[in-house]
Every structure is written in C-alpha cells, then in structure tokens.
Amino acid sequence: MVRGNDDLWNLAENPALLMCERAVHAWTFDRALVAQEHFERFSADMEVFCQIYKGQNHLLQWGSFISKCEAEAVGLYGMSVSDNLWFRWDEELGKEIPFDLTKDSGAFEVYDWLDSQQQNGDPVDARTA
C-alpha cells in the first residue's frame, strides 16, 4: 500500500519490483530519458508491463515507436502544471530552446540509473527475467 508521495516515488528503487515496473515508473520522473542504446530494452519492458497490468493505454504503441526511433534519446513530459523541463530559457536569444543533452545538466538515463541500483551489479532485463 502506498502511504504517501515518498512511497510512490521510491517505487523505482524497490528491488522487490520487476525491472519493467521500475523502468516504466522511472521514465515518468522529471528529466528522465531513455538513451537509444536502450530503446529495444525499454520497448520490451513496456510490453511485459502491459502484459502484467492489462488495461487501456498507449505503452505498447510508444514501445513500438521507440524501438524504431532514430533519436538520441526519448524523454517524457507529463506535467500540465509546470514549465516543460525539456526546454530552457536562453537569455541571449530571449526565448526557450530545447534541452541540450550534451550541454545542459539535470537529465538522467533511466537504465544507467536503475542498473546502478542493482546490488549485485547484474542488471535485470525483461527479456531475460
């Protein structure tokens, strides 16, 4: 049972959960992204997540798109009550510009972070779990 916000946000660090649950949850965090090298892994995790949690959602379609995507990384912006964190204000230009993964700080790669959470150093992957 989730008792408060900390319980909810800490789910991604809970080793009792499957990696697919942790990855899908972590992807909803501010400035969380999945790098291209992990697109197929993320797509597989979304598929397993959807097999466990049946219902109407777009995760399978997102996973299919992401697995074929040629972007450097994919992040989610799911807030409607704050600024889009994938843009930043540029004082010189006087306008918002896209977040630059090579220059701007604050973003983190979901699987790098989750794999670093594994106590035995052996990452869990939905394709092999």
C-alpha atoms as a PDB file:
ATOM      1  CA  MET A   1       0.000   0.000   0.000  1.00  0.00           C
ATOM      2  CA  VAL A   2       1.300   3.424  -0.947  1.00  0.00           C
ATOM      3  CA  ARG A   3       1.119   5.723   2.078  1.00  0.00           C
ATOM      4  CA  GLY A   4       2.494   8.961   0.717  1.00  0.00           C
ATOM      5  CA  ASN A   5       4.480  10.660  -2.011  1.00  0.00           C
ATOM      6  CA  ASP A   6       7.794   9.193  -0.847  1.00  0.00           C
ATOM      7  CA  ASP A   7       6.394   5.669  -1.077  1.00  0.00           C
ATOM      8  CA  LEU A   8       5.231   6.386  -4.614  1.00  0.00           C
ATOM      9  CA  TRP A   9       8.445   7.980  -5.881  1.00  0.00           C
ATOM     10  CA  ASN A  10      10.629   5.371  -4.198  1.00  0.00           C
ATOM     11  CA  LEU A  11       8.943   2.514  -6.070  1.00  0.00           C
ATOM     12  CA  ALA A  12      11.539   2.763  -8.823  1.00  0.00           C
ATOM     13  CA  GLU A  13      14.225   1.906  -6.265  1.00  0.00           C
ATOM     14  CA  ASN A  14      12.316  -1.068  -4.832  1.00  0.00           C
ATOM     15  CA  PRO A  15      14.237  -4.264  -5.682  1.00  0.00           C
ATOM     16  CA  ALA A  16      11.091  -6.311  -4.999  1.00  0.00           C
ATOM     17  CA  LEU A  17       9.543  -4.911  -8.190  1.00  0.00           C
ATOM     18  CA  LEU A  18      10.308  -6.204 -11.656  1.00  0.00           C
ATOM     19  CA  MET A  19      12.653  -4.133 -13.796  1.00  0.00           C
ATOM     20  CA  CYS A  20       9.798  -3.434 -16.225  1.00  0.00           C
ATOM     21  CA  GLU A  21       7.776  -1.861 -13.405  1.00  0.00           C
ATOM     22  CA  ARG A  22      10.729   0.176 -12.213  1.00  0.00           C
ATOM     23  CA  ALA A  23      11.694   1.350 -15.714  1.00  0.00           C
ATOM     24  CA  VAL A  24       8.206   2.453 -16.737  1.00  0.00           C
ATOM     25  CA  HIS A  25       7.808   4.259 -13.407  1.00  0.00           C
ATOM     26  CA  ALA A  26      11.239   5.928 -13.538  1.00  0.00           C
ATOM     27  CA  TRP A  27      10.553   7.183 -17.073  1.00  0.00           C
ATOM     28  CA  THR A  28       7.795   9.380 -15.633  1.00  0.00           C
ATOM     29  CA  PHE A  29      10.284  11.315 -13.471  1.00  0.00           C
ATOM     30  CA  ASP A  30      11.326  14.862 -14.347  1.00  0.00           C
ATOM     31  CA  ARG A  31      14.122  14.831 -16.927  1.00  0.00           C
ATOM     32  CA  ALA A  32      14.317  11.049 -17.082  1.00  0.00           C
ATOM     33  CA  LEU A  33      15.239   9.759 -20.513  1.00  0.00           C
ATOM     34  CA  VAL A  34      15.986   6.506 -22.252  1.00  0.00           C
ATOM     35  CA  ALA A  35      19.058   6.546 -24.493  1.00  0.00           C
ATOM     36  CA  GLN A  36      18.939   4.997 -27.955  1.00  0.00           C
ATOM     37  CA  GLU A  37      21.133   2.097 -26.841  1.00  0.00           C
ATOM     38  CA  HIS A  38      18.296   1.040 -24.511  1.00  0.00           C
ATOM     39  CA  PHE A  39      15.321   1.570 -26.851  1.00  0.00           C
ATOM     40  CA  GLU A  40      14.759  -2.143 -27.508  1.00  0.00           C
ATOM     41  CA  ARG A  41      15.144  -2.944 -23.817  1.00  0.00           C
ATOM     42  CA  PHE A  42      12.626  -0.258 -22.898  1.00  0.00           C
ATOM     43  CA  SER A  43      10.194  -1.448 -25.536  1.00  0.00           C
ATOM     44  CA  ALA A  44      10.471  -4.996 -24.119  1.00  0.00           C
ATOM     45  CA  ASP A  45       9.917  -3.657 -20.596  1.00  0.00           C
ATOM     46  CA  MET A  46       6.815  -1.766 -21.733  1.00  0.00           C
ATOM     47  CA  GLU A  47       5.470  -4.934 -23.341  1.00  0.00           C
ATOM     48  CA  VAL A  48       5.979  -7.002 -20.174  1.00  0.00           C
ATOM     49  CA  PHE A  49       4.474  -4.190 -18.087  1.00  0.00           C
ATOM     50  CA  CYS A  50       1.366  -4.204 -20.301  1.00  0.00           C
ATOM     51  CA  GLN A  51       1.061  -7.993 -20.023  1.00  0.00           C
ATOM     52  CA  ILE A  52       1.039  -7.662 -16.228  1.00  0.00           C
ATOM     53  CA  TYR A  53      -1.146  -4.552 -15.983  1.00  0.00           C
ATOM     54  CA  LYS A  54      -3.817  -5.060 -18.578  1.00  0.00           C
ATOM     55  CA  GLY A  55      -5.881  -2.048 -19.452  1.00  0.00           C
ATOM     56  CA  GLN A  56      -6.224   0.654 -21.991  1.00  0.00           C
ATOM     57  CA  ASN A  57      -3.055   2.667 -22.502  1.00  0.00           C
ATOM     58  CA  HIS A  58      -0.588   3.681 -25.180  1.00  0.00           C
ATOM     59  CA  LEU A  59       2.540   1.994 -23.825  1.00  0.00           C
ATOM     60  CA  LEU A  60       2.658  -0.723 -26.490  1.00  0.00           C
ATOM     61  CA  GLN A  61       2.403   1.882 -29.239  1.00  0.00           C
ATOM     62  CA  TRP A  62       5.054   4.029 -27.550  1.00  0.00           C
ATOM     63  CA  GLY A  63       7.302   0.998 -27.178  1.00  0.00           C
ATOM     64  CA  SER A  64       6.890   0.120 -30.849  1.00  0.00           C
ATOM     65  CA  PHE A  65       7.692   3.676 -31.886  1.00  0.00           C
ATOM     66  CA  ILE A  66      10.644   3.999 -29.506  1.00  0.00           C
ATOM     67  CA  SER A  67      12.208   0.694 -30.583  1.00  0.00           C
ATOM     68  CA  LYS A  68      12.436   2.018 -34.166  1.00  0.00           C
ATOM     69  CA  CYS A  69      13.179   5.644 -33.319  1.00  0.00           C
ATOM     70  CA  GLU A  70      16.401   7.218 -34.570  1.00  0.00           C
ATOM     71  CA  ALA A  71      16.524   9.895 -31.869  1.00  0.00           C
ATOM     72  CA  GLU A  72      19.448  10.171 -29.487  1.00  0.00           C
ATOM     73  CA  ALA A  73      17.123   9.665 -26.514  1.00  0.00           C
ATOM     74  CA  VAL A  74      13.453   9.787 -25.573  1.00  0.00           C
ATOM     75  CA  GLY A  75      12.052  11.616 -22.566  1.00  0.00           C
ATOM     76  CA  LEU A  76       8.537  12.132 -21.327  1.00  0.00           C
ATOM     77  CA  TYR A  77       6.855  15.372 -20.417  1.00  0.00           C
ATOM     78  CA  GLY A  78       3.723  14.532 -18.497  1.00  0.00           C
ATOM     79  CA  MET A  79       3.105  17.672 -16.483  1.00  0.00           C
ATOM     80  CA  SER A  80       0.466  20.213 -17.370  1.00  0.00           C
ATOM     81  CA  VAL A  81       1.041  22.448 -14.362  1.00  0.00           C
ATOM     82  CA  SER A  82       4.671  23.494 -14.800  1.00  0.00           C
ATOM     83  CA  ASP A  83       7.215  24.540 -17.379  1.00  0.00           C
ATOM     84  CA  ASN A  84       8.350  21.941 -19.883  1.00  0.00           C
ATOM     85  CA  LEU A  85      11.678  20.806 -18.422  1.00  0.00           C
ATOM     86  CA  TRP A  86      12.870  19.693 -21.857  1.00  0.00           C
ATOM     87  CA  PHE A  87      13.213  23.361 -22.776  1.00  0.00           C
ATOM     88  CA  ARG A  88      15.243  26.064 -21.076  1.00  0.00           C
ATOM     89  CA  TRP A  89      15.259  29.823 -21.271  1.00  0.00           C
ATOM     90  CA  ASP A  90      18.135  31.286 -23.265  1.00  0.00           C
ATOM     91  CA  GLU A  91      18.924  34.816 -22.041  1.00  0.00           C
ATOM     92  CA  GLU A  92      20.870  35.757 -25.191  1.00  0.00           C
ATOM     93  CA  LEU A  93      18.116  34.668 -27.575  1.00  0.00           C
ATOM     94  CA  GLY A  94      15.287  35.772 -25.295  1.00  0.00           C
ATOM     95  CA  LYS A  95      13.345  32.578 -25.891  1.00  0.00           C
ATOM     96  CA  GLU A  96      13.020  28.961 -24.888  1.00  0.00           C
ATOM     97  CA  ILE A  97      15.310  26.486 -26.604  1.00  0.00           C
ATOM     98  CA  PRO A  98      15.322  22.666 -26.495  1.00  0.00           C
ATOM     99  CA  PHE A  99      17.241  20.951 -23.707  1.00  0.00           C
ATOM    100  CA  ASP A 100      20.713  20.026 -24.993  1.00  0.00           C
ATOM    101  CA  LEU A 101      21.765  16.596 -23.751  1.00  0.00           C
ATOM    102  CA  THR A 102      25.421  17.417 -24.396  1.00  0.00           C
ATOM    103  CA  LYS A 103      25.452  20.763 -22.551  1.00  0.00           C
ATOM    104  CA  ASP A 104      22.568  21.014 -20.086  1.00  0.00           C
ATOM    105  CA  SER A 105      22.559  19.224 -16.748  1.00  0.00           C
ATOM    106  CA  GLY A 106      19.828  17.591 -14.731  1.00  0.00           C
ATOM    107  CA  ALA A 107      18.722  14.794 -17.048  1.00  0.00           C
ATOM    108  CA  PHE A 108      19.424  11.157 -16.246  1.00  0.00           C
ATOM    109  CA  GLU A 109      19.288   7.956 -18.245  1.00  0.00           C
ATOM    110  CA  VAL A 110      16.727   5.530 -16.806  1.00  0.00           C
ATOM    111  CA  TYR A 111      18.653   2.288 -17.311  1.00  0.00           C
ATOM    112  CA  ASP A 112      22.004   3.717 -16.239  1.00  0.00           C
ATOM    113  CA  TRP A 113      20.312   4.814 -13.019  1.00  0.00           C
ATOM    114  CA  LEU A 114      18.343   1.583 -12.497  1.00  0.00           C
ATOM    115  CA  ASP A 115      21.333  -0.624 -13.285  1.00  0.00           C
ATOM    116  CA  SER A 116      23.394   1.313 -10.728  1.00  0.00           C
ATOM    117  CA  GLN A 117      20.678   0.444  -8.168  1.00  0.00           C
ATOM    118  CA  GLN A 118      21.221  -3.295  -8.646  1.00  0.00           C
ATOM    119  CA  GLN A 119      23.016  -4.526  -5.567  1.00  0.00           C
ATOM    120  CA  ASN A 120      24.791  -7.428  -7.239  1.00  0.00           C
ATOM    121  CA  GLY A 121      25.811  -5.409 -10.290  1.00  0.00           C
ATOM    122  CA  ASP A 122      23.856  -7.764 -12.542  1.00  0.00           C
ATOM    123  CA  PRO A 123      21.189  -5.739 -14.366  1.00  0.00           C
ATOM    124  CA  VAL A 124      17.785  -7.352 -14.657  1.00  0.00           C
ATOM    125  CA  ASP A 125      16.342  -7.249 -18.156  1.00  0.00           C
ATOM    126  CA  ALA A 126      12.716  -8.040 -19.048  1.00  0.00           C
ATOM    127  CA  ARG A 127      13.920 -10.171 -21.971  1.00  0.00           C
ATOM    128  CA  THR A 128      15.856 -12.486 -19.638  1.00  0.00           C
ATOM    129  CA  ALA A 129      13.911 -12.228 -16.365  1.00  0.00           C
END
